[in-house]
Protein backbone atom coordinates (compact mmCIF):
# COMPACT_ATOMS: atom_id res chain seq x y z
CA GLN A 1 14.23 -18.55 2.54
CA ILE A 2 16.57 -16.35 4.56
CA LEU A 3 15.66 -13.23 6.53
CA VAL A 4 18.62 -10.94 7.23
CA HIS A 5 18.82 -7.89 9.45
CA GLY A 6 20.49 -5.04 7.58
CA ASN A 7 20.32 -1.54 9.03
CA GLY A 8 23.35 0.24 7.63
CA ASP A 9 23.73 0.71 3.90
CA ALA A 10 27.08 -1.12 3.95
CA ALA A 11 25.41 -4.12 5.59
CA ILE A 12 22.70 -3.99 2.93
CA ASP A 13 25.43 -3.93 0.25
CA GLN A 14 26.87 -7.09 1.82
CA PHE A 15 23.48 -8.80 1.79
CA ILE A 16 22.90 -7.87 -1.85
CA ALA A 17 26.36 -9.17 -2.77
CA ALA A 18 25.75 -12.43 -0.88
CA VAL A 19 22.45 -13.04 -2.64
CA ARG A 20 24.03 -12.22 -5.99
CA ALA A 21 26.87 -14.67 -5.31
CA SER A 22 24.53 -17.44 -4.19
CA GLY A 23 23.66 -18.60 -7.69
CA PRO A 24 21.32 -17.84 -10.58
CA VAL A 25 18.99 -14.88 -10.07
CA GLU A 26 15.98 -17.10 -10.76
CA LYS A 27 16.83 -19.30 -7.78
CA ALA A 28 17.31 -16.29 -5.50
CA ARG A 29 13.97 -14.84 -6.54
CA ALA A 30 12.24 -18.19 -5.99
CA VAL A 31 13.21 -18.35 -2.29
CA ARG A 32 12.28 -14.69 -1.70
CA PRO A 33 15.09 -13.51 0.63
CA VAL A 34 13.97 -10.82 3.07
CA LEU A 35 15.82 -7.67 4.11
CA ILE A 36 14.78 -6.84 7.68
CA HIS A 37 14.75 -3.14 8.72
CA GLY A 38 16.55 -1.53 5.76
CA GLN A 39 16.84 1.57 7.92
CA THR A 40 19.39 3.38 5.75
CA LEU A 41 18.49 1.72 2.45
CA ARG A 42 19.88 3.88 -0.37
CA ARG A 43 17.88 4.70 -3.46
CA ASP A 44 20.46 3.03 -5.74
CA GLN A 45 20.12 -0.22 -3.78
CA ILE A 46 16.39 -0.61 -4.39
CA PRO A 47 16.63 -1.63 -8.09
CA GLN A 48 19.12 -4.28 -6.97
CA LEU A 49 16.62 -5.62 -4.44
CA LYS A 50 14.05 -5.79 -7.21
CA GLU A 51 16.43 -7.56 -9.59
CA LEU A 52 17.31 -10.22 -7.03
CA GLY A 53 13.83 -10.61 -5.58
CA ILE A 54 14.91 -9.40 -2.13
CA PHE A 55 11.79 -8.43 -0.21
CA PRO A 56 12.11 -5.26 1.94
CA SER A 57 10.59 -5.56 5.43
CA LEU A 58 11.02 -2.01 6.68
CA PHE A 59 10.82 -0.35 10.09
CA PRO A 60 8.99 2.99 9.67
CA MET A 61 8.28 3.13 13.41
CA HIS A 62 11.92 4.13 13.78
CA THR A 63 10.83 7.60 12.65
CA PHE A 64 8.61 7.96 15.72
CA TYR A 65 10.79 6.50 18.46
CA TRP A 66 14.24 7.67 17.36
CA GLY A 67 13.66 10.00 14.42
CA ASP A 68 14.61 13.22 16.24
CA TRP A 69 17.78 11.59 17.58
CA HIS A 70 18.81 10.27 14.17
CA ARG A 71 18.13 13.62 12.48
CA ASP A 72 19.99 15.71 15.07
CA SER A 73 22.81 13.38 16.09
CA VAL A 74 23.35 9.98 14.50
CA LEU A 75 22.55 10.14 10.78
CA GLY A 76 22.12 13.85 10.17
CA ASN A 77 19.14 15.44 8.50
CA PRO A 78 19.45 14.24 4.86
CA ARG A 79 19.90 10.57 5.75
CA ALA A 80 17.33 10.63 8.55
CA GLN A 81 14.70 11.83 6.09
CA ASN A 82 15.04 8.53 4.24
CA ILE A 83 14.83 6.06 7.12
CA SER A 84 12.90 3.04 5.82
CA PRO A 85 12.23 4.66 2.43
CA THR A 86 8.81 3.22 1.59
CA GLY A 87 8.18 5.84 -1.09
CA TRP A 88 11.23 4.79 -3.09
CA VAL A 89 10.23 1.13 -2.84
CA LEU A 90 6.76 1.88 -4.20
CA GLU A 91 8.22 4.04 -6.99
CA GLU A 92 10.25 1.02 -8.10
CA GLY A 93 7.03 -0.98 -8.42
CA MET A 94 7.74 -3.12 -5.38
CA VAL A 95 5.83 -3.79 -2.17
CA PHE A 96 7.10 -3.90 1.40
CA THR A 97 6.11 -4.88 4.91
CA SER A 98 6.39 -2.88 8.12
CA HIS A 99 7.09 -4.18 11.61
CA HIS A 100 7.81 -3.16 15.22
CA ASP A 101 10.79 -5.32 16.29
CA ALA A 102 9.60 -5.93 19.86
CA PRO A 103 11.02 -5.66 22.46
CA VAL A 104 13.08 -2.86 20.89
CA ALA A 105 9.77 -1.02 20.40
CA LEU A 106 6.40 -1.78 21.90
CA PRO A 107 4.37 -4.34 19.90
CA SER A 108 1.64 -1.92 18.87
CA SER A 109 0.23 -2.56 15.41
CA MET A 110 -1.56 0.79 15.50
CA ARG A 111 1.69 2.62 16.21
CA VAL A 112 3.24 0.78 13.24
CA LEU A 113 0.30 1.86 11.09
CA ASP A 114 0.60 5.46 12.27
CA ALA A 115 4.34 5.62 11.61
CA THR A 116 4.02 4.10 8.14
CA VAL A 117 1.36 6.66 7.19
CA ASN A 118 2.54 9.78 9.03
CA ARG A 119 6.29 9.42 9.74
CA THR A 120 6.10 11.93 12.58
CA THR A 121 8.76 12.04 15.28
CA ARG A 122 8.01 12.31 18.99
CA THR A 123 8.35 16.09 18.66
CA GLY A 124 5.82 16.16 15.83
CA LYS A 125 8.26 16.70 12.96
CA VAL A 126 7.78 14.78 9.70
CA LEU A 127 10.71 12.74 8.42
CA GLY A 128 10.66 12.08 4.68
CA PRO A 129 7.23 13.32 3.62
CA GLU A 130 7.72 11.61 0.23
CA HIS A 131 7.81 8.26 2.05
CA ARG A 132 4.40 8.66 3.70
CA VAL A 133 1.82 6.25 2.31
CA SER A 134 -1.95 5.97 2.45
CA PRO A 135 -3.63 4.02 5.27
CA TRP A 136 -4.71 1.46 2.67
CA VAL A 137 -1.12 0.81 1.59
CA ALA A 138 0.05 0.73 5.21
CA LEU A 139 -2.64 -1.84 6.07
CA LYS A 140 -1.56 -4.04 3.17
CA ALA A 141 2.01 -3.84 4.45
CA GLN A 142 0.79 -5.39 7.71
CA THR A 143 -1.58 -7.96 6.21
CA ILE A 144 -1.59 -9.34 2.67
CA TRP A 145 1.96 -8.23 1.81
CA SER A 146 3.21 -9.73 5.10
CA ALA A 147 1.53 -13.01 4.22
CA TYR A 148 3.17 -12.88 0.77
CA GLN A 149 6.56 -12.24 2.38
CA HIS A 150 6.28 -15.59 4.17
CA PHE A 151 4.66 -17.54 1.30
CA GLU A 152 1.39 -17.65 3.29
CA ASP A 153 -0.85 -15.43 1.16
CA ASP A 154 -2.83 -18.47 0.00
CA ARG A 155 -4.28 -18.80 3.51
CA LYS A 156 -3.60 -15.54 5.36
CA GLY A 157 -3.48 -11.79 4.89
CA SER A 158 -6.97 -11.05 3.57
CA ILE A 159 -10.57 -11.94 4.38
CA GLU A 160 -11.59 -14.46 1.76
CA VAL A 161 -13.44 -17.75 1.60
CA GLY A 162 -11.01 -20.57 2.31
CA LYS A 163 -8.54 -18.50 4.35
CA LEU A 164 -7.99 -18.75 8.09
CA ALA A 165 -10.27 -15.88 9.23
CA ASP A 166 -7.54 -14.23 11.31
CA LEU A 167 -8.68 -10.64 11.86
CA VAL A 168 -9.30 -7.87 14.35
CA ILE A 169 -12.18 -5.48 14.96
CA LEU A 170 -10.99 -1.92 15.54
CA SER A 171 -12.57 0.97 17.41
CA ASP A 172 -12.82 3.01 14.19
CA ASN A 173 -12.13 2.74 10.48
CA PRO A 174 -8.42 3.38 9.75
CA LEU A 175 -9.33 4.32 6.18
CA THR A 176 -11.59 7.20 7.22
CA VAL A 177 -10.27 8.60 10.53
CA ALA A 178 -7.88 11.54 10.45
CA PRO A 179 -4.35 10.21 9.92
CA HIS A 180 -3.12 11.66 13.22
CA GLN A 181 -5.69 9.49 15.05
CA LEU A 182 -4.38 6.15 13.77
CA ALA A 183 -2.11 5.50 16.76
CA SER A 184 -5.05 5.83 19.15
CA LEU A 185 -7.21 3.16 17.49
CA GLN A 186 -8.02 0.27 19.82
CA VAL A 187 -8.31 -3.43 19.06
CA LEU A 188 -11.78 -4.34 20.34
CA GLU A 189 -11.68 -8.01 19.40
CA THR A 190 -9.22 -10.51 17.94
CA ILE A 191 -10.49 -13.47 15.93
CA LYS A 192 -8.19 -16.40 15.19
CA GLU A 193 -9.27 -18.97 12.61
CA GLY A 194 -12.85 -17.82 13.01
CA ARG A 195 -12.85 -18.02 16.82
CA SER A 196 -12.87 -15.01 19.14
CA VAL A 197 -9.75 -15.17 21.34
CA TYR A 198 -9.76 -11.65 22.82
CA LYS A 199 -12.29 -8.96 23.65
CA ARG A 200 -11.40 -5.59 25.09
CA GLN A 201 -13.12 -5.02 28.44
């Protein structure tokens, strides 16, 4: 398995071409290559990811930290709207993961969750409303789909008998709180393989 950073759409084109040139499609799909970030992933590239079995690990938190800057300066408004286009990926019948890329951004899982659901910039503007997802989908992108990305879903990613019992207890239910409150949720306890390893004081 290879995991390749590709932010610009030209870099993503190169990755797609490399996977396509690597051999039979069946072999590429079997090793599940991963596209990391996919910040400017174009809509026409997504069917190619699906064809080749390239798994998109996207960076929706970019919309919060640098969304205003990208919209107003770097990418321009149309392209900035589609940073980490989770909506297009789901429309294609695929799944994705979301991440924070520390130390580029703070390693806050709740901020990742918030950005994947809300896509609000630091000035409160929404980038790409069609790419917002439900809290349930965003949670799967950080748990079971992440485990699948790494071929670990047989033992991680969900709470089931026989799995490792890696989980956290949050200060509120992310499926029922108002979406704008997701970033303020606190991790009260972390449990690793069934053993408590952290408790918030």
